[in-house]
Full PDB file with SEQRES, HELIX, SHEET, SSBOND, CRYST1, ORIGX, SCALE, CONECT and MASTER records, all heavy atoms in Angstrom:
SEQRES   1 A   34  LEU ALA PRO ALA ALA LEU LYS ASP LEU LYS ARG ILE GLU          
SEQRES   2 A   34  GLU LEU GLY PHE GLY LYS LEU PRO VAL CYS VAL ALA LYS          
SEQRES   3 A   34  THR PRO PHE SER LEU THR ASP ASP                              
HELIX    1 AA1 PRO A    3  GLU A   14  1                                  12    
CRYST1    1.000    1.000    1.000  90.00  90.00  90.00 P 1           1          
ORIGX1      1.000000  0.000000  0.000000        0.00000                         
ORIGX2      0.000000  1.000000  0.000000        0.00000                         
ORIGX3      0.000000  0.000000  1.000000        0.00000                         
SCALE1      1.000000  0.000000  0.000000        0.00000                         
SCALE2      0.000000  1.000000  0.000000        0.00000                         
SCALE3      0.000000  0.000000  1.000000        0.00000                         
ATOM      1  N   LEU A   1      -1.014 -17.078  69.851  1.00  0.00           N  
ATOM      2  CA  LEU A   1      -2.297 -16.513  69.445  1.00  0.00           C  
ATOM      3  C   LEU A   1      -3.202 -16.345  70.643  1.00  0.00           C  
ATOM      4  O   LEU A   1      -3.395 -17.266  71.458  1.00  0.00           O  
ATOM      5  CB  LEU A   1      -2.945 -17.495  68.445  1.00  0.00           C  
ATOM      6  CG  LEU A   1      -2.630 -17.290  66.923  1.00  0.00           C  
ATOM      7  CD1 LEU A   1      -1.115 -17.499  66.680  1.00  0.00           C  
ATOM      8  CD2 LEU A   1      -3.450 -18.195  66.049  1.00  0.00           C  
ATOM      9  N   ALA A   2      -3.797 -15.135  70.716  1.00  0.00           N  
ATOM     10  CA  ALA A   2      -4.790 -14.835  71.731  1.00  0.00           C  
ATOM     11  C   ALA A   2      -6.085 -15.644  71.445  1.00  0.00           C  
ATOM     12  O   ALA A   2      -6.266 -16.145  70.357  1.00  0.00           O  
ATOM     13  CB  ALA A   2      -5.098 -13.351  71.736  1.00  0.00           C  
ATOM     14  N   PRO A   3      -6.907 -15.865  72.453  1.00  0.00           N  
ATOM     15  CA  PRO A   3      -8.163 -16.588  72.215  1.00  0.00           C  
ATOM     16  C   PRO A   3      -8.952 -16.068  71.008  1.00  0.00           C  
ATOM     17  O   PRO A   3      -9.508 -16.871  70.229  1.00  0.00           O  
ATOM     18  CB  PRO A   3      -8.925 -16.377  73.531  1.00  0.00           C  
ATOM     19  CG  PRO A   3      -7.856 -16.246  74.551  1.00  0.00           C  
ATOM     20  CD  PRO A   3      -6.779 -15.454  73.844  1.00  0.00           C  
ATOM     21  N   ALA A   4      -9.016 -14.768  70.826  1.00  0.00           N  
ATOM     22  CA  ALA A   4      -9.802 -14.240  69.719  1.00  0.00           C  
ATOM     23  C   ALA A   4      -9.156 -14.613  68.388  1.00  0.00           C  
ATOM     24  O   ALA A   4      -9.806 -14.936  67.394  1.00  0.00           O  
ATOM     25  CB  ALA A   4      -9.871 -12.707  69.789  1.00  0.00           C  
ATOM     26  N   ALA A   5      -7.779 -14.596  68.359  1.00  0.00           N  
ATOM     27  CA  ALA A   5      -7.067 -15.025  67.130  1.00  0.00           C  
ATOM     28  C   ALA A   5      -7.287 -16.513  66.860  1.00  0.00           C  
ATOM     29  O   ALA A   5      -7.365 -16.925  65.686  1.00  0.00           O  
ATOM     30  CB  ALA A   5      -5.578 -14.679  67.249  1.00  0.00           C  
ATOM     31  N   LEU A   6      -7.278 -17.356  67.893  1.00  0.00           N  
ATOM     32  CA  LEU A   6      -7.538 -18.776  67.714  1.00  0.00           C  
ATOM     33  C   LEU A   6      -8.958 -19.015  67.124  1.00  0.00           C  
ATOM     34  O   LEU A   6      -9.114 -19.878  66.232  1.00  0.00           O  
ATOM     35  CB  LEU A   6      -7.404 -19.523  69.039  1.00  0.00           C  
ATOM     36  CG  LEU A   6      -5.954 -19.640  69.564  1.00  0.00           C  
ATOM     37  CD1 LEU A   6      -5.975 -20.152  70.995  1.00  0.00           C  
ATOM     38  CD2 LEU A   6      -5.116 -20.592  68.643  1.00  0.00           C  
ATOM     39  N   LYS A   7      -9.888 -18.230  67.559  1.00  0.00           N  
ATOM     40  CA  LYS A   7     -11.257 -18.290  67.031  1.00  0.00           C  
ATOM     41  C   LYS A   7     -11.258 -17.853  65.565  1.00  0.00           C  
ATOM     42  O   LYS A   7     -11.888 -18.463  64.703  1.00  0.00           O  
ATOM     43  CB  LYS A   7     -12.189 -17.431  67.838  1.00  0.00           C  
ATOM     44  CG  LYS A   7     -13.636 -17.495  67.434  1.00  0.00           C  
ATOM     45  CD  LYS A   7     -14.516 -16.603  68.293  1.00  0.00           C  
ATOM     46  CE  LYS A   7     -15.971 -16.640  67.869  1.00  0.00           C  
ATOM     47  NZ  LYS A   7     -16.820 -15.714  68.722  1.00  0.00           N  
ATOM     48  N   ASP A   8     -10.502 -16.740  65.255  1.00  0.00           N  
ATOM     49  CA  ASP A   8     -10.425 -16.345  63.861  1.00  0.00           C  
ATOM     50  C   ASP A   8      -9.781 -17.444  62.996  1.00  0.00           C  
ATOM     51  O   ASP A   8     -10.248 -17.661  61.896  1.00  0.00           O  
ATOM     52  CB  ASP A   8      -9.534 -15.084  63.778  1.00  0.00           C  
ATOM     53  CG  ASP A   8     -10.128 -13.892  64.451  1.00  0.00           C  
ATOM     54  OD1 ASP A   8     -11.355 -13.805  64.606  1.00  0.00           O  
ATOM     55  OD2 ASP A   8      -9.363 -13.006  64.871  1.00  0.00           O  
ATOM     56  N   LEU A   9      -8.729 -18.069  63.515  1.00  0.00           N  
ATOM     57  CA  LEU A   9      -8.012 -19.107  62.768  1.00  0.00           C  
ATOM     58  C   LEU A   9      -8.959 -20.249  62.441  1.00  0.00           C  
ATOM     59  O   LEU A   9      -8.981 -20.738  61.257  1.00  0.00           O  
ATOM     60  CB  LEU A   9      -6.837 -19.611  63.523  1.00  0.00           C  
ATOM     61  CG  LEU A   9      -6.026 -20.684  62.868  1.00  0.00           C  
ATOM     62  CD1 LEU A   9      -5.368 -20.244  61.581  1.00  0.00           C  
ATOM     63  CD2 LEU A   9      -4.924 -21.166  63.854  1.00  0.00           C  
ATOM     64  N   LYS A  10      -9.734 -20.662  63.378  1.00  0.00           N  
ATOM     65  CA  LYS A  10     -10.658 -21.792  63.185  1.00  0.00           C  
ATOM     66  C   LYS A  10     -11.652 -21.412  62.069  1.00  0.00           C  
ATOM     67  O   LYS A  10     -11.945 -22.233  61.156  1.00  0.00           O  
ATOM     68  CB  LYS A  10     -11.412 -22.123  64.465  1.00  0.00           C  
ATOM     69  CG  LYS A  10     -12.331 -23.316  64.430  1.00  0.00           C  
ATOM     70  CD  LYS A  10     -12.880 -23.629  65.778  1.00  0.00           C  
ATOM     71  CE  LYS A  10     -13.782 -24.869  65.777  1.00  0.00           C  
ATOM     72  NZ  LYS A  10     -14.993 -24.663  64.969  1.00  0.00           N  
ATOM     73  N   ARG A  11     -12.180 -20.220  62.100  1.00  0.00           N  
ATOM     74  CA  ARG A  11     -13.145 -19.780  61.090  1.00  0.00           C  
ATOM     75  C   ARG A  11     -12.491 -19.686  59.730  1.00  0.00           C  
ATOM     76  O   ARG A  11     -13.055 -20.143  58.712  1.00  0.00           O  
ATOM     77  CB  ARG A  11     -13.719 -18.409  61.504  1.00  0.00           C  
ATOM     78  CG  ARG A  11     -14.791 -17.887  60.522  1.00  0.00           C  
ATOM     79  CD  ARG A  11     -15.337 -16.561  61.019  1.00  0.00           C  
ATOM     80  NE  ARG A  11     -15.905 -16.724  62.365  1.00  0.00           N  
ATOM     81  CZ  ARG A  11     -15.764 -15.847  63.359  1.00  0.00           C  
ATOM     82  NH1 ARG A  11     -14.939 -14.786  63.181  1.00  0.00           N  
ATOM     83  NH2 ARG A  11     -16.315 -15.988  64.505  1.00  0.00           N  
ATOM     84  N   ILE A  12     -11.289 -19.103  59.680  1.00  0.00           N  
ATOM     85  CA  ILE A  12     -10.593 -19.007  58.355  1.00  0.00           C  
ATOM     86  C   ILE A  12     -10.319 -20.391  57.783  1.00  0.00           C  
ATOM     87  O   ILE A  12     -10.505 -20.599  56.570  1.00  0.00           O  
ATOM     88  CB  ILE A  12      -9.276 -18.230  58.558  1.00  0.00           C  
ATOM     89  CG1 ILE A  12      -9.588 -16.767  58.833  1.00  0.00           C  
ATOM     90  CG2 ILE A  12      -8.367 -18.357  57.348  1.00  0.00           C  
ATOM     91  CD1 ILE A  12      -8.398 -15.962  59.344  1.00  0.00           C  
ATOM     92  N   GLU A  13      -9.967 -21.296  58.598  1.00  0.00           N  
ATOM     93  CA  GLU A  13      -9.700 -22.688  58.089  1.00  0.00           C  
ATOM     94  C   GLU A  13     -10.954 -23.357  57.655  1.00  0.00           C  
ATOM     95  O   GLU A  13     -11.011 -24.054  56.597  1.00  0.00           O  
ATOM     96  CB  GLU A  13      -9.005 -23.515  59.204  1.00  0.00           C  
ATOM     97  CG  GLU A  13      -7.580 -23.044  59.467  1.00  0.00           C  
ATOM     98  CD  GLU A  13      -6.918 -23.784  60.613  1.00  0.00           C  
ATOM     99  OE1 GLU A  13      -7.708 -24.331  61.464  1.00  0.00           O  
ATOM    100  OE2 GLU A  13      -5.672 -23.833  60.697  1.00  0.00           O  
ATOM    101  N   GLU A  14     -12.080 -23.121  58.387  1.00  0.00           N  
ATOM    102  CA  GLU A  14     -13.364 -23.729  57.983  1.00  0.00           C  
ATOM    103  C   GLU A  14     -13.870 -23.159  56.662  1.00  0.00           C  
ATOM    104  O   GLU A  14     -14.511 -23.854  55.887  1.00  0.00           O  
ATOM    105  CB  GLU A  14     -14.413 -23.464  59.062  1.00  0.00           C  
ATOM    106  CG  GLU A  14     -14.162 -24.246  60.330  1.00  0.00           C  
ATOM    107  CD  GLU A  14     -15.099 -23.821  61.469  1.00  0.00           C  
ATOM    108  OE1 GLU A  14     -15.764 -22.816  61.376  1.00  0.00           O  
ATOM    109  OE2 GLU A  14     -15.165 -24.576  62.488  1.00  0.00           O  
ATOM    110  N   LEU A  15     -13.499 -21.885  56.363  1.00  0.00           N  
ATOM    111  CA  LEU A  15     -13.934 -21.272  55.092  1.00  0.00           C  
ATOM    112  C   LEU A  15     -13.018 -21.686  53.952  1.00  0.00           C  
ATOM    113  O   LEU A  15     -13.273 -21.275  52.787  1.00  0.00           O  
ATOM    114  CB  LEU A  15     -13.913 -19.740  55.274  1.00  0.00           C  
ATOM    115  CG  LEU A  15     -14.928 -19.163  56.242  1.00  0.00           C  
ATOM    116  CD1 LEU A  15     -14.692 -17.674  56.372  1.00  0.00           C  
ATOM    117  CD2 LEU A  15     -16.369 -19.430  55.712  1.00  0.00           C  
ATOM    118  N   GLY A  16     -11.968 -22.448  54.241  1.00  0.00           N  
ATOM    119  CA  GLY A  16     -11.140 -22.926  53.175  1.00  0.00           C  
ATOM    120  C   GLY A  16      -9.902 -22.024  52.824  1.00  0.00           C  
ATOM    121  O   GLY A  16      -9.292 -22.176  51.767  1.00  0.00           O  
ATOM    122  N   PHE A  17      -9.503 -21.153  53.745  1.00  0.00           N  
ATOM    123  CA  PHE A  17      -8.421 -20.181  53.524  1.00  0.00           C  
ATOM    124  C   PHE A  17      -7.277 -20.425  54.396  1.00  0.00           C  
ATOM    125  O   PHE A  17      -6.468 -19.486  54.685  1.00  0.00           O  
ATOM    126  CB  PHE A  17      -8.937 -18.776  53.644  1.00  0.00           C  
ATOM    127  CG  PHE A  17     -10.007 -18.389  52.599  1.00  0.00           C  
ATOM    128  CD1 PHE A  17     -11.325 -18.321  52.992  1.00  0.00           C  
ATOM    129  CD2 PHE A  17      -9.694 -18.220  51.271  1.00  0.00           C  
ATOM    130  CE1 PHE A  17     -12.298 -17.951  52.073  1.00  0.00           C  
ATOM    131  CE2 PHE A  17     -10.644 -17.859  50.334  1.00  0.00           C  
ATOM    132  CZ  PHE A  17     -11.969 -17.740  50.757  1.00  0.00           C  
ATOM    133  N   GLY A  18      -7.060 -21.616  54.953  1.00  0.00           N  
ATOM    134  CA  GLY A  18      -6.067 -21.929  55.906  1.00  0.00           C  
ATOM    135  C   GLY A  18      -4.648 -22.054  55.383  1.00  0.00           C  
ATOM    136  O   GLY A  18      -3.722 -22.236  56.157  1.00  0.00           O  
ATOM    137  N   LYS A  19      -4.443 -21.826  54.064  1.00  0.00           N  
ATOM    138  CA  LYS A  19      -3.091 -21.875  53.495  1.00  0.00           C  
ATOM    139  C   LYS A  19      -2.632 -20.573  52.864  1.00  0.00           C  
ATOM    140  O   LYS A  19      -1.634 -20.547  52.118  1.00  0.00           O  
ATOM    141  CB  LYS A  19      -3.050 -22.996  52.449  1.00  0.00           C  
ATOM    142  CG  LYS A  19      -3.359 -24.409  52.959  1.00  0.00           C  
ATOM    143  CD  LYS A  19      -2.334 -24.892  54.014  1.00  0.00           C  
ATOM    144  CE  LYS A  19      -2.651 -26.215  54.574  1.00  0.00           C  
ATOM    145  NZ  LYS A  19      -2.577 -27.326  53.590  1.00  0.00           N  
ATOM    146  N   LEU A  20      -3.368 -19.509  53.101  1.00  0.00           N  
ATOM    147  CA  LEU A  20      -3.015 -18.194  52.515  1.00  0.00           C  
ATOM    148  C   LEU A  20      -1.724 -17.670  53.099  1.00  0.00           C  
ATOM    149  O   LEU A  20      -1.361 -17.966  54.238  1.00  0.00           O  
ATOM    150  CB  LEU A  20      -4.136 -17.151  52.790  1.00  0.00           C  
ATOM    151  CG  LEU A  20      -5.413 -17.334  51.962  1.00  0.00           C  
ATOM    152  CD1 LEU A  20      -6.378 -16.160  52.322  1.00  0.00           C  
ATOM    153  CD2 LEU A  20      -5.187 -17.350  50.492  1.00  0.00           C  
ATOM    154  N   PRO A  21      -0.980 -16.810  52.361  1.00  0.00           N  
ATOM    155  CA  PRO A  21       0.199 -16.115  52.976  1.00  0.00           C  
ATOM    156  C   PRO A  21      -0.329 -15.214  54.109  1.00  0.00           C  
ATOM    157  O   PRO A  21      -1.516 -14.971  54.256  1.00  0.00           O  
ATOM    158  CB  PRO A  21       0.669 -15.220  51.820  1.00  0.00           C  
ATOM    159  CG  PRO A  21       0.143 -15.894  50.558  1.00  0.00           C  
ATOM    160  CD  PRO A  21      -1.143 -16.502  50.958  1.00  0.00           C  
ATOM    161  N   VAL A  22       0.634 -14.818  54.971  1.00  0.00           N  
ATOM    162  CA  VAL A  22       0.247 -13.966  56.098  1.00  0.00           C  
ATOM    163  C   VAL A  22       0.932 -12.613  55.991  1.00  0.00           C  
ATOM    164  O   VAL A  22       2.056 -12.524  55.456  1.00  0.00           O  
ATOM    165  CB  VAL A  22       0.634 -14.661  57.457  1.00  0.00           C  
ATOM    166  CG1 VAL A  22      -0.287 -15.856  57.701  1.00  0.00           C  
ATOM    167  CG2 VAL A  22       2.090 -15.072  57.490  1.00  0.00           C  
ATOM    168  N   CYS A  23       0.231 -11.594  56.471  1.00  0.00           N  
ATOM    169  CA  CYS A  23       0.720 -10.222  56.434  1.00  0.00           C  
ATOM    170  C   CYS A  23       0.656  -9.678  57.838  1.00  0.00           C  
ATOM    171  O   CYS A  23      -0.431  -9.408  58.352  1.00  0.00           O  
ATOM    172  CB  CYS A  23      -0.207  -9.438  55.469  1.00  0.00           C  
ATOM    173  SG  CYS A  23       0.231  -7.674  55.401  1.00  0.00           S  
ATOM    174  N   VAL A  24       1.808  -9.564  58.520  1.00  0.00           N  
ATOM    175  CA  VAL A  24       1.843  -9.178  59.905  1.00  0.00           C  
ATOM    176  C   VAL A  24       1.727  -7.670  60.015  1.00  0.00           C  
ATOM    177  O   VAL A  24       2.382  -6.908  59.369  1.00  0.00           O  
ATOM    178  CB  VAL A  24       3.151  -9.596  60.599  1.00  0.00           C  
ATOM    179  CG1 VAL A  24       3.178  -9.165  62.030  1.00  0.00           C  
ATOM    180  CG2 VAL A  24       3.272 -11.171  60.529  1.00  0.00           C  
ATOM    181  N   ALA A  25       0.820  -7.235  60.869  1.00  0.00           N  
ATOM    182  CA  ALA A  25       0.576  -5.810  61.176  1.00  0.00           C  
ATOM    183  C   ALA A  25       1.171  -5.524  62.565  1.00  0.00           C  
ATOM    184  O   ALA A  25       0.657  -6.091  63.585  1.00  0.00           O  
ATOM    185  CB  ALA A  25      -0.869  -5.437  61.143  1.00  0.00           C  
ATOM    186  N   LYS A  26       2.232  -4.782  62.620  1.00  0.00           N  
ATOM    187  CA  LYS A  26       2.909  -4.491  63.890  1.00  0.00           C  
ATOM    188  C   LYS A  26       3.631  -3.182  63.775  1.00  0.00           C  
ATOM    189  O   LYS A  26       3.718  -2.569  62.740  1.00  0.00           O  
ATOM    190  CB  LYS A  26       3.870  -5.626  64.326  1.00  0.00           C  
ATOM    191  CG  LYS A  26       5.151  -5.652  63.516  1.00  0.00           C  
ATOM    192  CD  LYS A  26       6.129  -6.694  64.063  1.00  0.00           C  
ATOM    193  CE  LYS A  26       7.456  -6.634  63.408  1.00  0.00           C  
ATOM    194  NZ  LYS A  26       8.232  -5.381  63.665  1.00  0.00           N  
ATOM    195  N   THR A  27       4.249  -2.781  64.929  1.00  0.00           N  
ATOM    196  CA  THR A  27       5.019  -1.538  64.944  1.00  0.00           C  
ATOM    197  C   THR A  27       6.230  -1.609  64.016  1.00  0.00           C  
ATOM    198  O   THR A  27       6.888  -2.674  63.948  1.00  0.00           O  
ATOM    199  CB  THR A  27       5.509  -1.205  66.363  1.00  0.00           C  
ATOM    200  OG1 THR A  27       6.301  -0.008  66.324  1.00  0.00           O  
ATOM    201  CG2 THR A  27       6.399  -2.342  66.916  1.00  0.00           C  
ATOM    202  N   PRO A  28       6.575  -0.479  63.310  1.00  0.00           N  
ATOM    203  CA  PRO A  28       7.744  -0.508  62.462  1.00  0.00           C  
ATOM    204  C   PRO A  28       9.021  -0.133  63.228  1.00  0.00           C  
ATOM    205  O   PRO A  28      10.101  -0.167  62.708  1.00  0.00           O  
ATOM    206  CB  PRO A  28       7.454   0.603  61.474  1.00  0.00           C  
ATOM    207  CG  PRO A  28       6.553   1.575  62.220  1.00  0.00           C  
ATOM    208  CD  PRO A  28       5.742   0.684  63.100  1.00  0.00           C  
ATOM    209  N   PHE A  29       8.865   0.291  64.518  1.00  0.00           N  
ATOM    210  CA  PHE A  29      10.006   0.783  65.287  1.00  0.00           C  
ATOM    211  C   PHE A  29      10.821  -0.272  65.947  1.00  0.00           C  
ATOM    212  O   PHE A  29      11.865  -0.020  66.543  1.00  0.00           O  
ATOM    213  CB  PHE A  29       9.504   1.780  66.319  1.00  0.00           C  
ATOM    214  CG  PHE A  29       8.809   2.995  65.710  1.00  0.00           C  
ATOM    215  CD1 PHE A  29       7.604   3.477  66.258  1.00  0.00           C  
ATOM    216  CD2 PHE A  29       9.348   3.633  64.607  1.00  0.00           C  
ATOM    217  CE1 PHE A  29       7.028   4.564  65.695  1.00  0.00           C  
ATOM    218  CE2 PHE A  29       8.718   4.718  64.050  1.00  0.00           C  
ATOM    219  CZ  PHE A  29       7.548   5.205  64.602  1.00  0.00           C  
ATOM    220  N   SER A  30      10.323  -1.518  65.921  1.00  0.00           N  
ATOM    221  CA  SER A  30      11.053  -2.613  66.611  1.00  0.00           C  
ATOM    222  C   SER A  30      10.840  -3.871  65.834  1.00  0.00           C  
ATOM    223  O   SER A  30       9.835  -4.060  65.084  1.00  0.00           O  
ATOM    224  CB  SER A  30      10.498  -2.777  68.070  1.00  0.00           C  
ATOM    225  OG  SER A  30      11.033  -3.932  68.640  1.00  0.00           O  
ATOM    226  N   LEU A  31      11.685  -4.878  66.049  1.00  0.00           N  
ATOM    227  CA  LEU A  31      11.531  -6.185  65.459  1.00  0.00           C  
ATOM    228  C   LEU A  31      10.464  -6.955  66.232  1.00  0.00           C  
ATOM    229  O   LEU A  31       9.967  -7.991  65.725  1.00  0.00           O  
ATOM    230  CB  LEU A  31      12.851  -6.950  65.471  1.00  0.00           C  
ATOM    231  CG  LEU A  31      13.945  -6.355  64.571  1.00  0.00           C  
ATOM    232  CD1 LEU A  31      15.300  -6.964  64.993  1.00  0.00           C  
ATOM    233  CD2 LEU A  31      13.654  -6.652  63.106  1.00  0.00           C  
ATOM    234  N   THR A  32      10.041  -6.443  67.413  1.00  0.00           N  
ATOM    235  CA  THR A  32       9.019  -7.071  68.188  1.00  0.00           C  
ATOM    236  C   THR A  32       7.700  -6.282  67.990  1.00  0.00           C  
ATOM    237  O   THR A  32       7.573  -5.402  67.128  1.00  0.00           O  
ATOM    238  CB  THR A  32       9.415  -6.994  69.673  1.00  0.00           C  
ATOM    239  OG1 THR A  32       9.237  -5.691  70.160  1.00  0.00           O  
ATOM    240  CG2 THR A  32      10.856  -7.461  69.894  1.00  0.00           C  
ATOM    241  N   ASP A  33       6.746  -6.576  68.879  1.00  0.00           N  
ATOM    242  CA  ASP A  33       5.485  -5.817  68.842  1.00  0.00           C  
ATOM    243  C   ASP A  33       5.562  -4.592  69.747  1.00  0.00           C  
ATOM    244  O   ASP A  33       4.600  -3.768  69.805  1.00  0.00           O  
ATOM    245  CB  ASP A  33       4.313  -6.667  69.332  1.00  0.00           C  
ATOM    246  CG  ASP A  33       4.405  -7.079  70.798  1.00  0.00           C  
ATOM    247  OD1 ASP A  33       5.492  -7.659  71.155  1.00  0.00           O  
ATOM    248  OD2 ASP A  33       3.480  -6.835  71.537  1.00  0.00           O  
ATOM    249  N   ASP A  34       6.680  -4.421  70.480  1.00  0.00           N  
ATOM    250  CA  ASP A  34       6.833  -3.335  71.443  1.00  0.00           C  
ATOM    251  C   ASP A  34       7.715  -2.259  70.814  1.00  0.00           C  
ATOM    252  O   ASP A  34       8.914  -2.465  70.629  1.00  0.00           O  
ATOM    253  CB  ASP A  34       7.474  -3.888  72.692  1.00  0.00           C  
ATOM    254  CG  ASP A  34       7.715  -2.806  73.747  1.00  0.00           C  
ATOM    255  OD1 ASP A  34       7.356  -1.593  73.513  1.00  0.00           O  
ATOM    256  OD2 ASP A  34       8.312  -3.120  74.798  1.00  0.00           O  
TER     257      ASP A  34                                                      
MASTER        0    0    0    1    0    0    0    6  256    1    0    3          
END                                                                             
């Protein structure tokens, strides 16, 4: 997690949503982000 994502995570957990499912947004052309 990048610093901005860590900040997002902290806020999401403080709001009570720390157990939600996750939906990854990434390229469809690879199993990676590249």
